[in-house]
Amino acid sequence: MNVNVKNNLRLICKNKEDLEVISAYSQDSLVSVKDMIFLKKNRLFLMIINRFMWEDVEKGVFRKNKRIRCALKFEEVLEVKSKGINQKNKNRSLEFLEKAN
């Protein structure tokens, strides 16, 4: 197995606690409008994000602004809505921010 593939972070969400972990690893990520797609027939929502490598920080590896592109796949999605996002501006960059409680 390729070393890079072996060390990739792979997370699967089955419940609310899992979603909180994925949310934490996705915090401060960037995504372009063009990198999001809803496949209604397949009931999939996919996005490619540019995320900060929080797992490196957990290991004690501190690299300035180390980011990696990764995919988020949501299955069994029936509907997708957006508010305040111009869908025609495909290059617009959006940020993932953690919601304060």
Protein backbone atom coordinates (compact mmCIF):
# COMPACT_ATOMS: atom_id res chain seq x y z
CA MET A 1 0.00 0.00 0.00
CA ASN A 2 1.21 3.49 -0.85
CA VAL A 3 2.49 5.31 2.26
CA ASN A 4 0.45 8.43 1.42
CA VAL A 5 -2.75 6.39 1.13
CA LYS A 6 -1.97 4.52 4.34
CA ASN A 7 -1.66 7.75 6.35
CA ASN A 8 -4.74 9.51 4.98
CA LEU A 9 -7.33 10.54 7.52
CA ARG A 10 -10.62 8.75 6.85
CA LEU A 11 -13.67 9.42 8.98
CA ILE A 12 -17.18 7.98 8.78
CA CYS A 13 -20.10 9.62 10.52
CA LYS A 14 -22.78 7.37 12.00
CA ASN A 15 -24.15 9.56 14.81
CA LYS A 16 -24.10 13.03 16.35
CA GLU A 17 -20.81 12.48 18.16
CA ASP A 18 -19.12 11.42 14.90
CA LEU A 19 -20.50 14.52 13.21
CA GLU A 20 -18.92 16.67 15.93
CA VAL A 21 -15.51 15.07 15.21
CA ILE A 22 -15.85 15.70 11.47
CA SER A 23 -16.97 19.25 12.20
CA ALA A 24 -13.87 19.80 14.34
CA TYR A 25 -11.53 18.50 11.63
CA SER A 26 -13.33 20.63 9.02
CA GLN A 27 -13.18 23.83 11.07
CA ASP A 28 -11.46 26.71 9.27
CA SER A 29 -11.69 24.89 5.92
CA LEU A 30 -12.18 26.70 2.65
CA VAL A 31 -14.47 25.58 -0.18
CA SER A 32 -15.31 27.12 -3.54
CA VAL A 33 -18.87 27.16 -4.86
CA LYS A 34 -17.61 25.19 -7.89
CA ASP A 35 -16.37 22.41 -5.58
CA MET A 36 -19.84 21.58 -4.24
CA ILE A 37 -22.43 19.46 -6.01
CA PHE A 38 -25.78 17.90 -5.16
CA LEU A 39 -26.60 14.77 -7.14
CA LYS A 40 -30.35 14.60 -6.52
CA LYS A 41 -30.88 11.29 -8.33
CA ASN A 42 -28.13 9.65 -6.25
CA ARG A 43 -29.10 11.57 -3.10
CA LEU A 44 -25.48 12.66 -2.61
CA PHE A 45 -23.98 15.97 -1.65
CA LEU A 46 -20.25 16.19 -2.35
CA MET A 47 -17.71 18.89 -1.69
CA ILE A 48 -13.96 19.26 -1.93
CA ILE A 49 -12.57 21.33 0.91
CA ASN A 50 -9.14 22.74 1.65
CA ARG A 51 -8.77 22.01 5.33
CA PHE A 52 -6.18 22.73 7.98
CA MET A 53 -4.46 19.52 9.13
CA TRP A 54 -5.62 19.48 12.75
CA GLU A 55 -4.37 15.88 13.13
CA ASP A 56 -0.78 17.13 12.72
CA VAL A 57 -1.28 19.54 15.60
CA GLU A 58 -2.57 16.64 17.71
CA LYS A 59 0.70 14.77 16.94
CA GLY A 60 2.78 17.81 17.90
CA VAL A 61 3.73 18.65 14.31
CA PHE A 62 3.42 22.38 13.80
CA ARG A 63 3.71 23.52 10.18
CA LYS A 64 2.61 26.99 9.26
CA ASN A 65 -0.72 26.87 7.41
CA LYS A 66 -0.46 23.19 6.43
CA ARG A 67 -3.61 22.43 4.47
CA ILE A 68 -4.81 19.47 2.47
CA ARG A 69 -7.64 19.02 -0.02
CA CYS A 70 -10.16 16.40 0.96
CA ALA A 71 -13.64 15.25 0.04
CA LEU A 72 -16.78 15.29 2.15
CA LYS A 73 -19.59 13.01 1.02
CA PHE A 74 -23.08 13.13 2.50
CA GLU A 75 -25.38 10.25 1.55
CA GLU A 76 -29.18 10.03 1.59
CA VAL A 77 -29.57 13.79 1.10
CA LEU A 78 -33.06 14.71 -0.05
CA GLU A 79 -32.66 18.45 -0.44
CA VAL A 80 -29.95 21.12 -0.36
CA LYS A 81 -30.58 24.80 0.32
CA SER A 82 -28.32 27.81 0.55
CA LYS A 83 -28.84 31.29 1.88
CA GLY A 84 -26.87 34.31 0.78
CA ILE A 85 -24.61 32.40 -1.61
CA ASN A 86 -24.54 33.48 -5.23
CA GLN A 87 -24.49 30.13 -7.11
CA LYS A 88 -23.33 31.88 -10.31
CA ASN A 89 -20.10 33.06 -8.67
CA LYS A 90 -18.37 29.66 -8.97
CA ASN A 91 -14.99 30.91 -7.75
CA ARG A 92 -16.34 32.41 -4.53
CA SER A 93 -14.51 30.97 -1.54
CA LEU A 94 -16.48 30.08 1.58
CA GLU A 95 -15.24 29.28 5.09
CA PHE A 96 -16.29 26.54 7.50
CA LEU A 97 -16.64 28.09 10.92
CA GLU A 98 -17.70 26.29 14.05
CA LYS A 99 -21.03 27.47 15.38
CA ALA A 100 -20.80 28.90 18.89
CA ASN A 101 -23.12 27.28 21.43
